[in-house]
């Protein structure tokens, strides 16, 4: 399936669309921040890396095989700029399992945008893409993302202790998940 045929996704306050190469400046504005990169277990993006990522994401529309992924720009309809992004990765096509993620520009956090965008992406995953199980991996210190998972109705399934190295810091992760049956009718709440 080509994801582009299902876009844009609109919610009461947001529009989720494919990235364009022109989004590089807005992407760099938050992906270059150490406070954002910390929870992604990678260094902050350089301007050049943001250009590469925006171009790569603009072309990622396939949804068929293990490892296929796409990211959508989270925007306010009719307004310039990005609020952040949501992503979906097909972890196991045969078992219909996908990993959901979100990253918001810190200037736009605390307004419910991550929950609204993630709920819309979860609906797409379950209703249009045939996902059976949706999960999120997040740093245990990322309390904002913990709250998003809980607002979505996901359950905490695992606590992985010091399972990833972020520079010199060992990071621990939570894994939250939901089945399509769990969120039937709730993903839009």
Protein backbone atom coordinates (compact mmCIF):
# COMPACT_ATOMS: atom_id res chain seq x y z
CA UNK A 1 0.00 0.00 0.00
CA UNK A 2 1.08 3.57 -0.68
CA UNK A 3 0.43 5.75 2.37
CA UNK A 4 0.13 8.90 0.25
CA UNK A 5 -3.32 7.77 -0.92
CA UNK A 6 -4.60 8.00 2.69
CA UNK A 7 -3.35 11.53 3.36
CA UNK A 8 -3.76 14.09 4.67
CA UNK A 9 -5.30 13.03 7.96
CA UNK A 10 -7.24 15.79 9.67
CA UNK A 11 -8.36 16.16 13.26
CA UNK A 12 -10.24 19.05 14.87
CA UNK A 13 -7.00 21.02 15.30
CA UNK A 14 -4.38 19.30 13.17
CA UNK A 15 -3.40 18.14 9.74
CA UNK A 16 -1.00 15.20 9.33
CA UNK A 17 0.75 15.12 5.96
CA UNK A 18 3.85 13.80 4.27
CA UNK A 19 7.01 15.77 4.85
CA UNK A 20 8.43 17.83 2.01
CA UNK A 21 12.06 18.86 1.48
CA UNK A 22 10.88 22.38 2.38
CA UNK A 23 10.23 21.24 5.97
CA UNK A 24 13.96 20.99 6.73
CA UNK A 25 14.18 24.31 8.61
CA UNK A 26 11.21 23.51 10.85
CA UNK A 27 12.51 19.97 11.42
CA UNK A 28 15.93 21.33 12.35
CA UNK A 29 14.37 23.80 14.82
CA UNK A 30 13.43 20.97 17.20
CA UNK A 31 15.46 17.95 16.05
CA UNK A 32 18.67 19.92 16.75
CA UNK A 33 17.78 20.38 20.41
CA UNK A 34 19.65 18.17 22.90
CA UNK A 35 16.47 17.95 25.01
CA UNK A 36 14.64 16.34 22.06
CA UNK A 37 17.49 14.09 20.88
CA UNK A 38 17.98 12.76 24.41
CA UNK A 39 14.80 10.70 24.24
CA UNK A 40 15.59 9.47 20.73
CA UNK A 41 18.96 7.97 21.71
CA UNK A 42 20.89 9.81 19.06
CA UNK A 43 22.80 13.06 18.75
CA UNK A 44 20.98 16.28 17.84
CA UNK A 45 20.53 16.74 14.10
CA UNK A 46 22.77 19.06 12.16
CA UNK A 47 21.19 21.34 9.55
CA UNK A 48 22.48 18.98 6.84
CA UNK A 49 21.01 15.93 8.55
CA UNK A 50 17.63 17.69 8.85
CA UNK A 51 17.69 18.31 5.08
CA UNK A 52 18.44 14.63 4.46
CA UNK A 53 15.73 13.48 6.86
CA UNK A 54 13.08 15.78 5.34
CA UNK A 55 13.91 14.46 1.85
CA UNK A 56 13.93 10.83 3.02
CA UNK A 57 10.60 11.20 4.79
CA UNK A 58 9.01 12.83 1.74
CA UNK A 59 9.78 9.63 -0.19
CA UNK A 60 8.80 7.07 2.49
CA UNK A 61 5.29 5.99 1.53
CA UNK A 62 5.46 2.17 1.18
CA UNK A 63 3.67 0.00 3.72
CA UNK A 64 4.18 -3.67 2.84
CA UNK A 65 7.22 -5.31 4.39
CA UNK A 66 8.97 -5.56 7.73
CA UNK A 67 10.84 -2.33 8.39
CA UNK A 68 8.69 -0.10 6.16
CA UNK A 69 8.09 3.18 7.95
CA UNK A 70 6.74 6.62 7.41
CA UNK A 71 6.64 9.87 9.33
CA UNK A 72 3.99 12.54 9.02
CA UNK A 73 4.39 16.24 9.64
CA UNK A 74 2.02 17.54 12.31
CA UNK A 75 0.70 20.97 11.34
CA UNK A 76 -2.13 23.37 12.11
CA UNK A 77 -4.37 23.65 9.04
CA UNK A 78 -3.78 26.86 7.14
CA UNK A 79 -0.76 27.87 9.21
CA UNK A 80 2.91 27.65 8.27
CA UNK A 81 5.38 25.52 10.18
CA UNK A 82 5.51 22.17 11.90
CA UNK A 83 4.39 21.36 15.42
CA UNK A 84 6.24 18.06 15.25
CA UNK A 85 5.83 14.61 13.77
CA UNK A 86 4.29 11.18 14.24
CA UNK A 87 5.65 7.96 12.82
CA UNK A 88 4.70 4.38 12.19
CA UNK A 89 7.04 1.46 11.51
CA UNK A 90 5.87 -1.95 10.31
CA UNK A 91 7.74 -4.13 12.78
CA UNK A 92 6.26 -7.45 11.66
CA UNK A 93 4.05 -7.63 8.56
CA UNK A 94 2.93 -11.22 9.13
CA UNK A 95 1.89 -10.53 12.73
CA UNK A 96 0.53 -7.07 11.83
CA UNK A 97 2.57 -5.28 14.51
CA UNK A 98 3.64 -1.67 14.23
CA UNK A 99 5.62 0.77 16.35
CA UNK A 100 4.16 4.25 16.81
CA UNK A 101 6.17 7.30 17.77
CA UNK A 102 5.86 11.06 18.12
CA UNK A 103 8.14 14.02 18.60
CA UNK A 104 6.90 17.54 19.22
CA UNK A 105 8.74 20.81 19.11
CA UNK A 106 9.02 21.78 22.81
CA UNK A 107 7.36 25.12 21.98
CA UNK A 108 4.17 23.18 21.16
CA UNK A 109 4.16 20.65 23.99
CA UNK A 110 1.53 20.68 26.70
CA UNK A 111 -1.45 21.42 24.43
CA UNK A 112 -2.57 17.86 23.66
CA UNK A 113 -1.19 17.89 20.11
CA UNK A 114 0.87 14.71 20.57
CA UNK A 115 -2.14 12.81 21.89
CA UNK A 116 -4.42 14.12 19.14
CA UNK A 117 -1.92 13.31 16.38
CA UNK A 118 -1.02 9.89 17.81
CA UNK A 119 -4.71 8.98 18.19
CA UNK A 120 -5.30 9.86 14.54
CA UNK A 121 -2.31 7.77 13.48
CA UNK A 122 -3.50 4.86 15.65
CA UNK A 123 -6.91 5.01 13.93
CA UNK A 124 -5.18 4.91 10.54
CA UNK A 125 -3.05 1.96 11.66
CA UNK A 126 -5.96 -0.08 12.97
CA UNK A 127 -8.71 0.94 10.53
CA UNK A 128 -6.87 1.32 7.21
CA UNK A 129 -3.55 -0.50 7.53
CA UNK A 130 -4.78 -3.65 9.27
CA UNK A 131 -2.49 -3.37 12.29
CA UNK A 132 -3.35 -5.85 15.05
CA UNK A 133 -0.89 -4.64 17.74
CA UNK A 134 0.50 -1.15 18.11
CA UNK A 135 3.36 -0.45 20.52
CA UNK A 136 5.52 2.45 21.63
CA UNK A 137 9.02 2.37 23.12
CA UNK A 138 9.96 5.34 25.27
CA UNK A 139 12.54 6.47 27.77
CA UNK A 140 11.20 6.05 31.31
CA UNK A 141 12.15 9.65 32.06
CA UNK A 142 10.00 10.92 29.18
CA UNK A 143 6.94 11.57 31.34
CA UNK A 144 5.15 13.46 28.56
CA UNK A 145 5.21 10.41 26.32
CA UNK A 146 4.15 8.16 29.19
CA UNK A 147 1.05 10.37 29.57
CA UNK A 148 0.36 10.22 25.82
CA UNK A 149 0.45 6.41 25.90
CA UNK A 150 -1.89 6.32 28.87
CA UNK A 151 -4.31 8.83 27.30
CA UNK A 152 -4.39 6.64 24.19
CA UNK A 153 -5.45 3.68 26.32
CA UNK A 154 -2.22 1.75 25.84
CA UNK A 155 -1.02 -0.55 28.62
CA UNK A 156 2.53 -0.73 29.97
CA UNK A 157 3.83 -4.17 29.01
CA UNK A 158 7.51 -3.92 29.89
CA UNK A 159 10.14 -1.95 31.76
CA UNK A 160 13.56 -2.55 30.19
CA UNK A 161 16.26 -1.48 32.63
CA UNK A 162 19.41 0.16 31.22
CA UNK A 163 18.82 -1.40 27.82
CA UNK A 164 20.26 1.40 25.68
CA UNK A 165 23.30 3.65 25.89
CA UNK A 166 22.86 7.35 25.18
CA UNK A 167 26.39 8.68 25.14
CA UNK A 168 27.56 7.99 28.68
CA UNK A 169 24.08 7.53 30.14
CA UNK A 170 22.30 4.21 30.35
CA UNK A 171 18.69 4.65 29.37
CA UNK A 172 15.78 2.52 30.48
CA UNK A 173 12.63 2.10 28.42
CA UNK A 174 8.97 1.37 28.85
CA UNK A 175 7.04 -0.50 26.21
CA UNK A 176 3.38 0.39 25.92
CA UNK A 177 1.00 -1.44 23.59
CA UNK A 178 -2.60 -1.84 22.54
CA UNK A 179 -4.43 -4.30 20.35
CA UNK A 180 -6.92 -3.13 17.77
CA UNK A 181 -9.67 -4.64 19.94
CA UNK A 182 -8.43 -2.67 22.97
CA UNK A 183 -8.85 0.69 21.29
CA UNK A 184 -11.97 -0.02 19.27
CA UNK A 185 -13.83 3.26 19.48
CA UNK A 186 -11.40 4.69 22.08
CA UNK A 187 -8.53 5.81 19.84
CA UNK A 188 -10.33 9.08 19.08
CA UNK A 189 -11.11 9.94 22.70
